[in-house]
């Protein structure tokens, strides 16, 4: 249902539920982070508030012996719907 506007990947069931509750427009299924929208030539409109989703990202942990280990950690990220953005250079 919901997909990332840049990567075209779908979201997990948990994040889908979070996005469905805060969906501003009925047919608005593309979401992305602030910097991802900039890569797509769009900017988040002034005064818009993002929706928090949960992501699992690798965190590098340096051990005393100098080796590096990656552990998965949960982080909260804010994403914005396409309807909350405007084209760059537009009015």
Protein backbone atom coordinates (compact mmCIF):
# COMPACT_ATOMS: atom_id res chain seq x y z
CA UNK A 1 0.00 0.00 0.00
CA UNK A 2 2.42 2.73 1.16
CA UNK A 3 5.79 2.96 -0.54
CA UNK A 4 8.91 5.04 -0.30
CA UNK A 5 8.88 7.62 -3.11
CA UNK A 6 12.62 7.29 -3.76
CA UNK A 7 13.36 3.58 -3.28
CA UNK A 8 9.88 2.29 -4.26
CA UNK A 9 10.03 -0.18 -1.35
CA UNK A 10 6.97 -0.95 0.72
CA UNK A 11 6.72 -0.41 4.46
CA UNK A 12 6.28 -2.97 7.22
CA UNK A 13 2.79 -3.71 8.58
CA UNK A 14 3.54 -1.65 11.72
CA UNK A 15 4.67 1.38 9.72
CA UNK A 16 1.76 0.94 7.31
CA UNK A 17 -0.63 1.20 10.26
CA UNK A 18 1.15 4.34 11.53
CA UNK A 19 1.00 5.92 8.07
CA UNK A 20 -2.66 5.00 7.51
CA UNK A 21 -3.69 6.81 10.71
CA UNK A 22 -1.96 10.04 9.67
CA UNK A 23 -2.64 9.95 5.91
CA UNK A 24 -3.56 13.55 4.91
CA UNK A 25 -5.13 12.70 1.52
CA UNK A 26 -7.11 9.53 0.65
CA UNK A 27 -4.96 8.63 -2.39
CA UNK A 28 -1.60 9.73 -0.96
CA UNK A 29 0.55 6.59 -0.72
CA UNK A 30 4.05 7.91 -1.44
CA UNK A 31 6.14 8.94 1.55
CA UNK A 32 9.81 9.81 2.04
CA UNK A 33 12.16 11.54 4.42
CA UNK A 34 13.04 15.22 4.13
CA UNK A 35 16.35 14.64 2.29
CA UNK A 36 14.81 11.99 0.04
CA UNK A 37 12.20 14.49 -1.15
CA UNK A 38 15.02 16.94 -1.94
CA UNK A 39 16.66 14.25 -4.11
CA UNK A 40 13.34 13.92 -5.95
CA UNK A 41 13.16 17.67 -6.64
CA UNK A 42 10.55 18.40 -3.98
CA UNK A 43 10.68 20.13 -0.60
CA UNK A 44 8.49 19.74 2.45
CA UNK A 45 6.06 22.67 2.61
CA UNK A 46 6.45 25.14 5.44
CA UNK A 47 4.54 24.20 8.59
CA UNK A 48 4.13 20.50 7.74
CA UNK A 49 4.70 17.89 10.43
CA UNK A 50 6.11 14.47 9.61
CA UNK A 51 4.85 11.08 10.70
CA UNK A 52 7.14 9.02 12.93
CA UNK A 53 7.90 5.50 11.76
CA UNK A 54 10.22 2.87 13.21
CA UNK A 55 13.28 1.67 11.31
CA UNK A 56 15.91 -0.93 12.06
CA UNK A 57 19.35 0.36 11.10
CA UNK A 58 22.86 -1.03 11.63
CA UNK A 59 24.97 0.64 14.29
CA UNK A 60 28.73 0.25 14.22
CA UNK A 61 30.20 -0.72 17.56
CA UNK A 62 33.95 -0.59 17.94
CA UNK A 63 35.38 -3.24 20.23
CA UNK A 64 38.43 -2.74 22.47
CA UNK A 65 40.50 -5.00 20.18
CA UNK A 66 39.86 -2.62 17.25
CA UNK A 67 37.35 -4.78 15.41
CA UNK A 68 34.02 -3.32 14.33
CA UNK A 69 30.68 -5.03 14.85
CA UNK A 70 27.35 -4.00 13.35
CA UNK A 71 24.30 -4.44 15.57
CA UNK A 72 20.71 -3.75 14.52
CA UNK A 73 19.04 -0.96 16.50
CA UNK A 74 15.56 0.57 16.29
CA UNK A 75 15.30 4.26 15.49
CA UNK A 76 12.46 6.62 14.89
CA UNK A 77 12.40 8.56 11.63
CA UNK A 78 10.04 11.21 10.29
CA UNK A 79 8.55 10.85 6.84
CA UNK A 80 6.30 13.14 4.82
CA UNK A 81 3.55 12.38 2.32
CA UNK A 82 3.78 13.73 -1.25
CA UNK A 83 0.82 16.06 -0.53
CA UNK A 84 2.96 17.71 2.17
CA UNK A 85 5.62 18.70 -0.38
CA UNK A 86 5.99 21.25 -3.15
CA UNK A 87 8.19 21.20 -6.25
CA UNK A 88 11.52 22.94 -5.83
CA UNK A 89 11.48 26.28 -7.58
CA UNK A 90 7.69 26.29 -7.51
CA UNK A 91 5.45 28.72 -5.69
